[in-house]
């Protein structure tokens, strides 16, 4: 059990520490921890939603349904949580903060999902899934946080458009990632291509946010 918890938490803690060092401030750390715990908690309503869909036979565990009914509610609840709890927070005072807090929410979600998956299954594929999932959630968090950061300091109309774009992009790319993992299980070339593409896009976004503040 302790090994499973360590495997679930270790990469998450390392990533949170890294992003905190990139944006050192006591309020930043406090809000990052808060965002992380909120991300962990919001796994519960997503699991409940999936359970209801399957038990009521609205959806099945087939691949098409598992892609859409996993990716969409997960990104929707993370986006909604970010919008309600953190978007108007006083510590969110510069655009790049959007990236920092969105990553923390995503990592909180990822750690619970990883532990659940490690408890149910075993083997190298499970460990690789945990690593890939954590990495992909960081990249999706960067994309969502970037546009939410721009939305925070935009005019009312642009704020709505940018916030909507943050949700649309994160859902679309999450669907693409899940499709790659579920339909090409064991064929890492497809998944690597998706993750590498997300990585380079994310790094460009982070660099832009650091240098231009938007």
N, C-alpha and C. Protein backbone atom coordinates (compact mmCIF):
# COMPACT_ATOMS: atom_id res chain seq x y z
N UNK A 1 0.82 -1.22 0.00
CA UNK A 1 0.00 0.00 0.00
C UNK A 1 0.86 1.27 0.00
N UNK A 2 1.88 1.27 0.87
CA UNK A 2 2.74 2.46 0.96
C UNK A 2 3.49 2.70 -0.36
N UNK A 3 3.86 1.59 -1.02
CA UNK A 3 4.55 1.70 -2.32
C UNK A 3 3.62 2.31 -3.36
N UNK A 4 2.37 1.91 -3.34
CA UNK A 4 1.39 2.44 -4.29
C UNK A 4 1.18 3.94 -4.07
N UNK A 5 1.06 4.32 -2.79
CA UNK A 5 0.87 5.74 -2.47
C UNK A 5 2.09 6.55 -2.89
N UNK A 6 3.29 5.99 -2.66
CA UNK A 6 4.51 6.68 -3.06
C UNK A 6 4.56 6.87 -4.57
N UNK A 7 4.24 5.81 -5.31
CA UNK A 7 4.25 5.89 -6.77
C UNK A 7 3.24 6.90 -7.29
N UNK A 8 2.11 7.02 -6.56
CA UNK A 8 1.09 7.98 -6.97
C UNK A 8 1.46 9.41 -6.67
N UNK A 9 2.13 9.61 -5.51
CA UNK A 9 2.41 10.96 -5.06
C UNK A 9 3.75 11.52 -5.53
N UNK A 10 4.78 10.68 -5.63
CA UNK A 10 6.14 11.16 -5.86
C UNK A 10 6.28 12.11 -7.04
N UNK A 11 5.83 11.73 -8.25
CA UNK A 11 6.00 12.66 -9.38
C UNK A 11 5.18 13.94 -9.22
N UNK A 12 4.05 13.84 -8.52
CA UNK A 12 3.19 15.01 -8.32
C UNK A 12 3.87 16.03 -7.42
N UNK A 13 4.43 15.54 -6.30
CA UNK A 13 5.10 16.43 -5.34
C UNK A 13 6.30 17.10 -6.00
N UNK A 14 7.05 16.34 -6.78
CA UNK A 14 8.21 16.89 -7.48
C UNK A 14 7.80 18.01 -8.43
N UNK A 15 6.72 17.80 -9.16
CA UNK A 15 6.27 18.81 -10.12
C UNK A 15 5.74 20.05 -9.42
N UNK A 16 4.99 19.88 -8.33
CA UNK A 16 4.48 21.03 -7.59
C UNK A 16 5.65 21.84 -7.02
N UNK A 17 6.66 21.15 -6.49
CA UNK A 17 7.83 21.84 -5.96
C UNK A 17 8.53 22.64 -7.05
N UNK A 18 8.64 22.05 -8.24
CA UNK A 18 9.29 22.74 -9.36
C UNK A 18 8.55 24.02 -9.74
N UNK A 19 7.23 23.90 -9.90
CA UNK A 19 6.47 25.07 -10.32
C UNK A 19 6.37 26.13 -9.22
N UNK A 20 6.44 25.70 -7.96
CA UNK A 20 6.49 26.68 -6.88
C UNK A 20 7.80 27.47 -6.94
N UNK A 21 8.91 26.78 -7.16
CA UNK A 21 10.20 27.46 -7.25
C UNK A 21 10.24 28.45 -8.41
N UNK A 22 9.43 28.19 -9.45
CA UNK A 22 9.37 29.11 -10.59
C UNK A 22 8.58 30.38 -10.26
N UNK A 23 7.81 30.34 -9.17
CA UNK A 23 6.93 31.47 -8.85
C UNK A 23 6.85 31.62 -7.33
N UNK A 24 7.98 31.83 -6.69
CA UNK A 24 8.06 31.79 -5.23
C UNK A 24 7.30 32.95 -4.59
N UNK A 25 6.41 32.60 -3.70
CA UNK A 25 5.65 33.57 -2.92
C UNK A 25 4.80 32.79 -1.94
N UNK A 26 4.70 33.25 -0.69
CA UNK A 26 3.96 32.47 0.31
C UNK A 26 2.50 32.31 -0.05
N UNK A 27 1.91 33.33 -0.69
CA UNK A 27 0.51 33.22 -1.12
C UNK A 27 0.39 32.22 -2.26
N UNK A 28 1.40 32.19 -3.12
CA UNK A 28 1.39 31.23 -4.23
C UNK A 28 1.39 29.80 -3.70
N UNK A 29 2.26 29.52 -2.73
CA UNK A 29 2.34 28.18 -2.17
C UNK A 29 1.02 27.79 -1.49
N UNK A 30 0.46 28.71 -0.72
CA UNK A 30 -0.79 28.45 -0.03
C UNK A 30 -1.91 28.10 -1.02
N UNK A 31 -2.00 28.88 -2.08
CA UNK A 31 -3.06 28.65 -3.06
C UNK A 31 -2.79 27.41 -3.90
N UNK A 32 -1.52 27.11 -4.14
CA UNK A 32 -1.18 25.89 -4.88
C UNK A 32 -1.61 24.65 -4.09
N UNK A 33 -1.35 24.67 -2.77
CA UNK A 33 -1.77 23.54 -1.93
C UNK A 33 -3.29 23.43 -1.91
N UNK A 34 -3.96 24.58 -1.82
CA UNK A 34 -5.43 24.59 -1.84
C UNK A 34 -5.95 24.05 -3.17
N UNK A 35 -5.32 24.47 -4.26
CA UNK A 35 -5.73 24.00 -5.58
C UNK A 35 -5.49 22.50 -5.73
N UNK A 36 -4.37 22.03 -5.18
CA UNK A 36 -4.04 20.62 -5.24
C UNK A 36 -5.09 19.78 -4.50
N UNK A 37 -5.49 20.18 -3.31
CA UNK A 37 -6.48 19.44 -2.54
C UNK A 37 -7.85 19.49 -3.20
N UNK A 38 -8.20 20.64 -3.75
CA UNK A 38 -9.46 20.73 -4.48
C UNK A 38 -9.47 19.78 -5.67
N UNK A 39 -8.32 19.69 -6.35
CA UNK A 39 -8.21 18.78 -7.48
C UNK A 39 -8.40 17.33 -7.06
N UNK A 40 -7.88 16.97 -5.89
CA UNK A 40 -8.06 15.61 -5.38
C UNK A 40 -9.53 15.34 -5.08
N UNK A 41 -10.18 16.30 -4.45
CA UNK A 41 -11.58 16.12 -4.04
C UNK A 41 -12.51 15.99 -5.24
N UNK A 42 -12.21 16.72 -6.32
CA UNK A 42 -13.15 16.74 -7.45
C UNK A 42 -13.13 15.46 -8.26
N UNK A 43 -12.27 14.49 -7.89
CA UNK A 43 -12.33 13.18 -8.52
C UNK A 43 -13.65 12.49 -8.17
N UNK A 44 -14.13 12.71 -6.93
CA UNK A 44 -15.34 12.02 -6.45
C UNK A 44 -16.56 12.28 -7.32
N UNK A 45 -16.92 13.56 -7.62
CA UNK A 45 -18.10 13.77 -8.47
C UNK A 45 -17.95 13.22 -9.88
N UNK A 46 -16.73 13.20 -10.39
CA UNK A 46 -16.50 12.62 -11.73
C UNK A 46 -16.77 11.12 -11.70
N UNK A 47 -16.26 10.43 -10.67
CA UNK A 47 -16.50 9.00 -10.55
C UNK A 47 -17.99 8.71 -10.35
N UNK A 48 -18.67 9.54 -9.57
CA UNK A 48 -20.11 9.37 -9.36
C UNK A 48 -20.86 9.55 -10.66
N UNK A 49 -20.47 10.56 -11.43
CA UNK A 49 -21.10 10.83 -12.72
C UNK A 49 -20.95 9.63 -13.66
N UNK A 50 -19.75 9.08 -13.72
CA UNK A 50 -19.50 7.91 -14.58
C UNK A 50 -20.31 6.71 -14.11
N UNK A 51 -20.36 6.52 -12.79
CA UNK A 51 -21.10 5.38 -12.24
C UNK A 51 -22.58 5.48 -12.59
N UNK A 52 -23.15 6.68 -12.47
CA UNK A 52 -24.57 6.88 -12.79
C UNK A 52 -24.84 6.60 -14.27
N UNK A 53 -23.96 7.09 -15.14
CA UNK A 53 -24.13 6.88 -16.58
C UNK A 53 -24.12 5.40 -16.94
N UNK A 54 -23.19 4.65 -16.33
CA UNK A 54 -23.10 3.22 -16.62
C UNK A 54 -24.25 2.45 -16.00
N UNK A 55 -24.56 2.74 -14.72
CA UNK A 55 -25.62 2.00 -14.02
C UNK A 55 -26.99 2.25 -14.64
N UNK A 56 -27.22 3.46 -15.17
CA UNK A 56 -28.49 3.78 -15.82
C UNK A 56 -28.47 3.43 -17.30
N UNK A 57 -27.35 2.82 -17.74
CA UNK A 57 -27.18 2.39 -19.13
C UNK A 57 -27.27 3.54 -20.13
N UNK A 58 -26.92 4.72 -19.64
CA UNK A 58 -26.81 5.87 -20.55
C UNK A 58 -25.52 5.76 -21.34
N UNK A 59 -24.52 5.19 -20.71
CA UNK A 59 -23.25 4.95 -21.37
C UNK A 59 -22.77 3.56 -21.00
N UNK A 60 -21.82 3.06 -21.74
CA UNK A 60 -21.23 1.75 -21.45
C UNK A 60 -19.74 1.95 -21.21
N UNK A 61 -19.06 0.87 -20.93
CA UNK A 61 -17.61 0.95 -20.73
C UNK A 61 -16.87 0.72 -22.04
N UNK A 62 -17.59 0.78 -23.16
CA UNK A 62 -16.96 0.62 -24.47
C UNK A 62 -16.02 1.79 -24.72
N UNK A 63 -15.10 1.60 -25.66
CA UNK A 63 -14.07 2.61 -25.90
C UNK A 63 -14.62 3.98 -26.29
N UNK A 64 -15.57 4.08 -27.25
CA UNK A 64 -16.06 5.42 -27.59
C UNK A 64 -16.66 6.15 -26.40
N UNK A 65 -17.46 5.44 -25.60
CA UNK A 65 -18.08 6.07 -24.44
C UNK A 65 -17.04 6.40 -23.38
N UNK A 66 -16.08 5.51 -23.17
CA UNK A 66 -15.09 5.74 -22.12
C UNK A 66 -14.22 6.95 -22.45
N UNK A 67 -13.99 7.22 -23.73
CA UNK A 67 -13.23 8.40 -24.12
C UNK A 67 -14.01 9.67 -23.80
N UNK A 68 -15.24 9.75 -24.30
CA UNK A 68 -16.01 10.98 -24.14
C UNK A 68 -16.51 11.19 -22.71
N UNK A 69 -16.90 10.10 -22.03
CA UNK A 69 -17.45 10.26 -20.69
C UNK A 69 -16.37 10.23 -19.62
N UNK A 70 -15.12 10.22 -20.01
CA UNK A 70 -14.01 10.43 -19.10
C UNK A 70 -13.41 11.81 -19.33
N UNK A 71 -13.07 12.09 -20.57
CA UNK A 71 -12.37 13.33 -20.90
C UNK A 71 -13.21 14.57 -20.61
N UNK A 72 -14.45 14.57 -21.07
CA UNK A 72 -15.28 15.77 -20.96
C UNK A 72 -15.61 16.12 -19.52
N UNK A 73 -16.16 15.19 -18.70
CA UNK A 73 -16.47 15.58 -17.32
C UNK A 73 -15.24 15.93 -16.50
N UNK A 74 -14.11 15.27 -16.75
CA UNK A 74 -12.89 15.57 -16.00
C UNK A 74 -12.44 17.00 -16.26
N UNK A 75 -12.37 17.40 -17.52
CA UNK A 75 -11.92 18.75 -17.82
C UNK A 75 -12.97 19.79 -17.42
N UNK A 76 -14.24 19.44 -17.54
CA UNK A 76 -15.30 20.36 -17.17
C UNK A 76 -15.27 20.68 -15.69
N UNK A 77 -15.08 19.66 -14.85
CA UNK A 77 -15.09 19.91 -13.41
C UNK A 77 -13.82 20.65 -12.97
N UNK A 78 -12.69 20.36 -13.59
CA UNK A 78 -11.46 21.10 -13.27
C UNK A 78 -11.58 22.56 -13.67
N UNK A 79 -12.15 22.79 -14.84
CA UNK A 79 -12.37 24.17 -15.31
C UNK A 79 -13.36 24.90 -14.41
N UNK A 80 -14.46 24.24 -14.05
CA UNK A 80 -15.46 24.85 -13.18
C UNK A 80 -14.90 25.15 -11.81
N UNK A 81 -14.11 24.24 -11.27
CA UNK A 81 -13.47 24.45 -9.98
C UNK A 81 -12.54 25.65 -10.03
N UNK A 82 -11.73 25.72 -11.07
CA UNK A 82 -10.80 26.84 -11.23
C UNK A 82 -11.57 28.16 -11.31
N UNK A 83 -12.65 28.17 -12.07
CA UNK A 83 -13.43 29.38 -12.29
C UNK A 83 -14.09 29.86 -10.99
N UNK A 84 -14.68 28.94 -10.24
CA UNK A 84 -15.45 29.31 -9.04
C UNK A 84 -14.55 29.64 -7.86
N UNK A 85 -13.50 28.83 -7.66
CA UNK A 85 -12.69 28.97 -6.44
C UNK A 85 -11.49 29.89 -6.61
N UNK A 86 -10.82 29.84 -7.75
CA UNK A 86 -9.54 30.51 -7.87
C UNK A 86 -9.51 31.72 -8.81
N UNK A 87 -10.45 31.81 -9.73
CA UNK A 87 -10.38 32.84 -10.77
C UNK A 87 -10.37 34.26 -10.19
N UNK A 88 -11.18 34.51 -9.15
CA UNK A 88 -11.28 35.84 -8.57
C UNK A 88 -10.46 36.00 -7.28
N UNK A 89 -9.63 35.03 -6.98
CA UNK A 89 -8.81 35.09 -5.77
C UNK A 89 -7.80 36.23 -5.87
N UNK A 90 -7.56 36.90 -4.75
CA UNK A 90 -6.66 38.05 -4.75
C UNK A 90 -5.20 37.67 -5.06
N UNK A 91 -4.84 36.41 -4.75
CA UNK A 91 -3.48 35.96 -5.05
C UNK A 91 -3.28 35.67 -6.53
N UNK A 92 -4.37 35.61 -7.28
CA UNK A 92 -4.29 35.45 -8.73
C UNK A 92 -4.17 36.85 -9.32
N UNK A 93 -2.94 37.38 -9.30
CA UNK A 93 -2.74 38.79 -9.66
C UNK A 93 -1.85 39.01 -10.87
N UNK A 94 -1.49 37.93 -11.57
CA UNK A 94 -0.77 38.06 -12.83
C UNK A 94 -1.10 36.87 -13.71
N UNK A 95 -1.07 37.05 -15.02
CA UNK A 95 -1.53 36.01 -15.94
C UNK A 95 -0.89 34.65 -15.75
N UNK A 96 0.42 34.61 -15.46
CA UNK A 96 1.10 33.32 -15.34
C UNK A 96 0.61 32.52 -14.13
N UNK A 97 -0.02 33.19 -13.16
CA UNK A 97 -0.59 32.48 -12.02
C UNK A 97 -1.64 31.47 -12.47
N UNK A 98 -2.32 31.78 -13.57
CA UNK A 98 -3.33 30.85 -14.10
C UNK A 98 -2.72 29.50 -14.40
N UNK A 99 -1.51 29.50 -14.98
CA UNK A 99 -0.82 28.26 -15.29
C UNK A 99 -0.45 27.52 -14.01
N UNK A 100 0.09 28.24 -13.04
CA UNK A 100 0.52 27.63 -11.78
C UNK A 100 -0.62 26.93 -11.07
N UNK A 101 -1.77 27.60 -10.93
CA UNK A 101 -2.88 27.04 -10.17
C UNK A 101 -3.63 25.96 -10.95
N UNK A 102 -3.70 26.11 -12.26
CA UNK A 102 -4.36 25.07 -13.08
C UNK A 102 -3.55 23.78 -13.05
N UNK A 103 -2.23 23.89 -13.03
CA UNK A 103 -1.39 22.70 -12.91
C UNK A 103 -1.61 22.02 -11.57
N UNK A 104 -1.70 22.81 -10.50
CA UNK A 104 -1.92 22.23 -9.17
C UNK A 104 -3.25 21.49 -9.10
N UNK A 105 -4.30 22.05 -9.68
CA UNK A 105 -5.60 21.38 -9.72
C UNK A 105 -5.48 20.06 -10.49
N UNK A 106 -4.85 20.11 -11.64
CA UNK A 106 -4.69 18.92 -12.48
C UNK A 106 -3.90 17.83 -11.78
N UNK A 107 -2.85 18.23 -11.05
CA UNK A 107 -2.02 17.25 -10.36
C UNK A 107 -2.76 16.63 -9.18
N UNK A 108 -3.58 17.42 -8.50
CA UNK A 108 -4.40 16.86 -7.42
C UNK A 108 -5.33 15.79 -7.96
N UNK A 109 -5.93 16.06 -9.10
CA UNK A 109 -6.80 15.09 -9.76
C UNK A 109 -6.00 13.86 -10.16
N UNK A 110 -4.82 14.09 -10.72
CA UNK A 110 -4.00 12.99 -11.24
C UNK A 110 -3.56 12.04 -10.13
N UNK A 111 -3.21 12.58 -8.96
CA UNK A 111 -2.67 11.71 -7.91
C UNK A 111 -3.73 10.72 -7.42
N UNK A 112 -4.98 11.16 -7.28
CA UNK A 112 -6.05 10.26 -6.84
C UNK A 112 -6.34 9.23 -7.93
N UNK A 113 -6.41 9.68 -9.16
CA UNK A 113 -6.66 8.76 -10.28
C UNK A 113 -5.57 7.71 -10.39
N UNK A 114 -4.31 8.14 -10.20
CA UNK A 114 -3.19 7.20 -10.27
C UNK A 114 -3.27 6.15 -9.17
N UNK A 115 -3.55 6.58 -7.94
CA UNK A 115 -3.63 5.65 -6.82
C UNK A 115 -4.76 4.65 -7.01
N UNK A 116 -5.92 5.13 -7.45
CA UNK A 116 -7.06 4.24 -7.72
C UNK A 116 -6.68 3.21 -8.77
N UNK A 117 -6.04 3.67 -9.84
CA UNK A 117 -5.67 2.77 -10.93
C UNK A 117 -4.62 1.75 -10.48
N UNK A 118 -3.66 2.21 -9.64
CA UNK A 118 -2.62 1.32 -9.14
C UNK A 118 -3.17 0.29 -8.15
N UNK A 119 -4.22 0.67 -7.42
CA UNK A 119 -4.86 -0.26 -6.49
C UNK A 119 -5.63 -1.36 -7.22
N UNK A 120 -6.25 -0.99 -8.33
CA UNK A 120 -7.09 -1.93 -9.06
C UNK A 120 -6.27 -2.84 -9.96
N UNK A 121 -5.28 -2.26 -10.64
CA UNK A 121 -4.50 -3.03 -11.61
C UNK A 121 -3.04 -3.11 -11.17
N UNK A 122 -2.24 -3.77 -11.96
CA UNK A 122 -0.81 -3.89 -11.67
C UNK A 122 -0.05 -4.12 -12.97
N UNK A 123 1.27 -4.03 -12.89
CA UNK A 123 2.08 -4.29 -14.07
C UNK A 123 2.72 -3.03 -14.63
N UNK A 124 3.59 -3.23 -15.60
CA UNK A 124 4.34 -2.12 -16.18
C UNK A 124 3.42 -1.16 -16.92
N UNK A 125 2.36 -1.69 -17.55
CA UNK A 125 1.45 -0.83 -18.31
C UNK A 125 0.76 0.16 -17.39
N UNK A 126 0.42 -0.29 -16.17
CA UNK A 126 -0.23 0.59 -15.21
C UNK A 126 0.71 1.70 -14.77
N UNK A 127 1.96 1.34 -14.49
CA UNK A 127 2.93 2.34 -14.08
C UNK A 127 3.18 3.35 -15.20
N UNK A 128 3.28 2.85 -16.44
CA UNK A 128 3.48 3.75 -17.56
C UNK A 128 2.27 4.66 -17.75
N UNK A 129 1.07 4.12 -17.51
CA UNK A 129 -0.13 4.94 -17.62
C UNK A 129 -0.12 6.05 -16.59
N UNK A 130 0.31 5.72 -15.35
CA UNK A 130 0.37 6.72 -14.29
C UNK A 130 1.33 7.85 -14.67
N UNK A 131 2.48 7.48 -15.23
CA UNK A 131 3.48 8.49 -15.63
C UNK A 131 2.96 9.32 -16.79
N UNK A 132 2.42 8.66 -17.81
CA UNK A 132 1.89 9.37 -18.97
C UNK A 132 0.73 10.27 -18.59
N UNK A 133 -0.15 9.75 -17.71
CA UNK A 133 -1.32 10.53 -17.30
C UNK A 133 -0.90 11.79 -16.54
N UNK A 134 0.05 11.65 -15.62
CA UNK A 134 0.54 12.80 -14.87
C UNK A 134 1.12 13.85 -15.80
N UNK A 135 1.95 13.39 -16.73
CA UNK A 135 2.58 14.30 -17.69
C UNK A 135 1.54 15.01 -18.55
N UNK A 136 0.56 14.24 -19.03
CA UNK A 136 -0.47 14.83 -19.90
C UNK A 136 -1.32 15.84 -19.12
N UNK A 137 -1.61 15.55 -17.85
CA UNK A 137 -2.42 16.47 -17.05
C UNK A 137 -1.68 17.78 -16.80
N UNK A 138 -0.36 17.70 -16.63
CA UNK A 138 0.43 18.93 -16.48
C UNK A 138 0.31 19.78 -17.75
N UNK A 139 0.46 19.14 -18.90
CA UNK A 139 0.41 19.86 -20.18
C UNK A 139 -0.98 20.46 -20.41
N UNK A 140 -2.03 19.69 -20.10
CA UNK A 140 -3.39 20.21 -20.24
C UNK A 140 -3.64 21.34 -19.26
N UNK A 141 -3.06 21.23 -18.05
CA UNK A 141 -3.18 22.31 -17.08
C UNK A 141 -2.52 23.59 -17.55
N UNK A 142 -1.38 23.44 -18.21
CA UNK A 142 -0.68 24.61 -18.76
C UNK A 142 -1.56 25.32 -19.79
N UNK A 143 -2.15 24.56 -20.68
CA UNK A 143 -3.00 25.14 -21.73
C UNK A 143 -4.22 25.83 -21.13
N UNK A 144 -4.90 25.13 -20.21
CA UNK A 144 -6.07 25.73 -19.58
C UNK A 144 -5.68 26.98 -18.78
N UNK A 145 -4.61 26.87 -18.00
CA UNK A 145 -4.19 27.99 -17.16
C UNK A 145 -3.75 29.20 -17.94
N UNK A 146 -3.14 28.97 -19.09
CA UNK A 146 -2.69 30.09 -19.93
C UNK A 146 -3.87 30.93 -20.39
N UNK A 147 -4.89 30.28 -20.91
CA UNK A 147 -6.04 31.03 -21.43
C UNK A 147 -6.91 31.59 -20.29
N UNK A 148 -6.93 30.90 -19.14
CA UNK A 148 -7.65 31.45 -17.99
C UNK A 148 -6.90 32.65 -17.43
N UNK A 149 -5.57 32.62 -17.52
CA UNK A 149 -4.77 33.77 -17.11
C UNK A 149 -5.00 34.97 -18.00
N UNK A 150 -5.12 34.74 -19.29
CA UNK A 150 -5.43 35.82 -20.22
C UNK A 150 -6.85 36.34 -19.97
N UNK A 151 -7.77 35.42 -19.69
CA UNK A 151 -9.16 35.81 -19.44
C UNK A 151 -9.30 36.68 -18.20
N UNK A 152 -8.51 36.38 -17.18
CA UNK A 152 -8.57 37.10 -15.91
C UNK A 152 -8.39 38.60 -16.11
N UNK A 153 -7.53 39.00 -17.01
CA UNK A 153 -7.18 40.40 -17.19
C UNK A 153 -7.69 40.97 -18.52
N UNK A 154 -8.66 40.31 -19.11
CA UNK A 154 -9.24 40.77 -20.37
C UNK A 154 -10.55 41.51 -20.12
N UNK A 155 -11.07 42.14 -21.16
CA UNK A 155 -12.38 42.79 -21.06
C UNK A 155 -13.47 41.73 -20.94
N UNK A 156 -14.69 42.14 -20.62
CA UNK A 156 -15.74 41.18 -20.30
C UNK A 156 -16.02 40.20 -21.44
N UNK A 157 -16.13 40.73 -22.66
CA UNK A 157 -16.43 39.86 -23.80
C UNK A 157 -15.27 38.90 -24.07
N UNK A 158 -14.04 39.43 -24.07
CA UNK A 158 -12.86 38.59 -24.30
C UNK A 158 -12.70 37.57 -23.18
N UNK A 159 -13.06 37.96 -21.97
CA UNK A 159 -12.94 37.05 -20.82
C UNK A 159 -13.79 35.80 -21.03
N UNK A 160 -15.01 36.01 -21.51
CA UNK A 160 -15.91 34.88 -21.76
C UNK A 160 -15.37 33.99 -22.87
N UNK A 161 -14.89 34.62 -23.93
CA UNK A 161 -14.36 33.87 -25.07
C UNK A 161 -13.11 33.07 -24.70
N UNK A 162 -12.21 33.71 -23.96
CA UNK A 162 -10.96 33.04 -23.58
C UNK A 162 -11.20 31.92 -22.58
N UNK A 163 -12.11 32.14 -21.64
CA UNK A 163 -12.45 31.09 -20.68
C UNK A 163 -13.09 29.90 -21.39
N UNK A 164 -13.96 30.20 -22.36
CA UNK A 164 -14.58 29.13 -23.15
C UNK A 164 -13.56 28.39 -23.98
N UNK A 165 -12.57 29.13 -24.52
CA UNK A 165 -11.51 28.51 -25.31
C UNK A 165 -10.66 27.59 -24.44
N UNK A 166 -10.39 28.01 -23.20
CA UNK A 166 -9.62 27.18 -22.26
C UNK A 166 -10.30 25.84 -22.05
N UNK A 167 -11.61 25.86 -21.87
CA UNK A 167 -12.37 24.62 -21.66
C UNK A 167 -12.41 23.77 -22.92
N UNK A 168 -12.68 24.39 -24.05
CA UNK A 168 -12.80 23.66 -25.31
C UNK A 168 -11.49 22.98 -25.69
N UNK A 169 -10.39 23.69 -25.55
CA UNK A 169 -9.09 23.12 -25.90
C UNK A 169 -8.71 21.96 -24.98
N UNK A 170 -8.91 22.17 -23.68
CA UNK A 170 -8.53 21.12 -22.73
C UNK A 170 -9.37 19.86 -22.95
N UNK A 171 -10.66 20.01 -23.21
CA UNK A 171 -11.51 18.85 -23.47
C UNK A 171 -11.11 18.15 -24.76
N UNK A 172 -10.88 18.93 -25.81
CA UNK A 172 -10.53 18.35 -27.11
C UNK A 172 -9.22 17.58 -27.06
N UNK A 173 -8.21 18.17 -26.40
CA UNK A 173 -6.91 17.53 -26.32
C UNK A 173 -6.92 16.33 -25.38
N UNK A 174 -7.75 16.39 -24.35
CA UNK A 174 -7.90 15.25 -23.45
C UNK A 174 -8.55 14.08 -24.18
N UNK A 175 -9.54 14.37 -24.99
CA UNK A 175 -10.17 13.32 -25.81
C UNK A 175 -9.13 12.70 -26.75
N UNK A 176 -8.31 13.52 -27.36
CA UNK A 176 -7.27 13.04 -28.27
C UNK A 176 -6.28 12.15 -27.54
N UNK A 177 -5.90 12.56 -26.32
CA UNK A 177 -4.96 11.75 -25.52
C UNK A 177 -5.58 10.42 -25.14
N UNK A 178 -6.82 10.44 -24.61
CA UNK A 178 -7.49 9.20 -24.21
C UNK A 178 -7.69 8.26 -25.40
N UNK A 179 -8.01 8.84 -26.54
CA UNK A 179 -8.14 8.02 -27.75
C UNK A 179 -6.82 7.31 -28.05
N UNK A 180 -5.74 8.05 -27.95
CA UNK A 180 -4.43 7.47 -28.22
C UNK A 180 -4.08 6.36 -27.26
N UNK A 181 -4.39 6.55 -25.98
CA UNK A 181 -4.04 5.53 -25.00
C UNK A 181 -4.94 4.30 -25.10
N UNK A 182 -6.25 4.52 -25.29
CA UNK A 182 -7.19 3.40 -25.30
C UNK A 182 -7.18 2.62 -26.61
N UNK A 183 -7.10 3.34 -27.73
CA UNK A 183 -7.15 2.67 -29.03
C UNK A 183 -5.79 2.16 -29.49
N UNK A 184 -4.74 2.73 -28.93
CA UNK A 184 -3.39 2.33 -29.34
C UNK A 184 -2.61 1.83 -28.14
N UNK A 185 -3.30 1.12 -27.26
CA UNK A 185 -2.66 0.58 -26.05
C UNK A 185 -1.47 -0.30 -26.42
N UNK A 186 -0.34 0.04 -25.82
CA UNK A 186 0.88 -0.73 -26.12
C UNK A 186 1.64 -0.18 -27.32
N UNK A 187 1.03 0.70 -28.09
CA UNK A 187 1.70 1.31 -29.24
C UNK A 187 2.03 2.74 -28.86
N UNK A 188 3.19 2.92 -28.25
CA UNK A 188 3.53 4.20 -27.65
C UNK A 188 3.91 5.27 -28.68
N UNK A 189 4.14 4.88 -29.92
CA UNK A 189 4.53 5.86 -30.93
C UNK A 189 3.45 6.92 -31.12
N UNK A 190 2.19 6.47 -31.18
CA UNK A 190 1.07 7.40 -31.35
C UNK A 190 0.95 8.30 -30.13
N UNK A 191 1.03 7.70 -28.94
CA UNK A 191 0.88 8.45 -27.70
C UNK A 191 2.04 9.41 -27.52
N UNK A 192 3.23 8.97 -27.85
CA UNK A 192 4.40 9.84 -27.75
C UNK A 192 4.26 11.06 -28.66
N UNK A 193 3.71 10.85 -29.85
CA UNK A 193 3.51 11.95 -30.78
C UNK A 193 2.57 13.00 -30.19
N UNK A 194 1.48 12.54 -29.58
CA UNK A 194 0.53 13.45 -28.95
C UNK A 194 1.19 14.22 -27.82
N UNK A 195 1.89 13.50 -26.95
CA UNK A 195 2.51 14.13 -25.78
C UNK A 195 3.63 15.09 -26.18
N UNK A 196 4.42 14.71 -27.18
CA UNK A 196 5.48 15.60 -27.63
C UNK A 196 4.90 16.88 -28.23
N UNK A 197 3.82 16.74 -28.98
CA UNK A 197 3.16 17.91 -29.56
C UNK A 197 2.63 18.83 -28.45
N UNK A 198 1.97 18.23 -27.46
CA UNK A 198 1.47 19.00 -26.32
C UNK A 198 2.62 19.66 -25.56
N UNK A 199 3.72 18.93 -25.43
CA UNK A 199 4.87 19.45 -24.69
C UNK A 199 5.43 20.71 -25.35
N UNK A 200 5.67 20.65 -26.65
CA UNK A 200 6.26 21.80 -27.34
C UNK A 200 5.29 22.99 -27.34
N UNK A 201 4.01 22.72 -27.52
CA UNK A 201 3.02 23.80 -27.45
C UNK A 201 3.02 24.42 -26.06
N UNK A 202 3.06 23.58 -25.04
CA UNK A 202 3.04 24.06 -23.65
C UNK A 202 4.28 24.87 -23.32
N UNK A 203 5.45 24.43 -23.78
CA UNK A 203 6.68 25.16 -23.49
C UNK A 203 6.69 26.52 -24.16
N UNK A 204 6.15 26.59 -25.37
CA UNK A 204 6.04 27.89 -26.05
C UNK A 204 5.12 28.82 -25.27
N UNK A 205 4.02 28.26 -24.78
CA UNK A 205 3.06 29.04 -24.01
C UNK A 205 3.68 29.54 -22.71
N UNK A 206 4.39 28.66 -21.98
CA UNK A 206 5.03 29.06 -20.73
C UNK A 206 6.07 30.15 -20.97
N UNK A 207 6.87 29.98 -22.02
CA UNK A 207 7.90 30.98 -22.35
C UNK A 207 7.26 32.31 -22.66
N UNK A 208 6.17 32.29 -23.41
CA UNK A 208 5.47 33.51 -23.76
C UNK A 208 4.89 34.17 -22.52
N UNK A 209 4.32 33.36 -21.62
CA UNK A 209 3.73 33.89 -20.40
C UNK A 209 4.79 34.51 -19.50
N UNK A 210 5.99 33.92 -19.48
CA UNK A 210 7.06 34.42 -18.63
C UNK A 210 7.65 35.71 -19.17
N UNK A 211 7.80 35.80 -20.48
CA UNK A 211 8.46 36.95 -21.07
C UNK A 211 7.54 38.13 -21.32
N UNK A 212 6.29 37.83 -21.71
CA UNK A 212 5.35 38.90 -22.04
C UNK A 212 4.29 39.14 -20.98
N UNK A 213 4.18 38.18 -20.06
CA UNK A 213 3.18 38.32 -19.01
C UNK A 213 1.77 38.03 -19.46
N UNK A 214 1.61 37.44 -20.65
CA UNK A 214 0.26 37.11 -21.16
C UNK A 214 0.28 35.71 -21.74
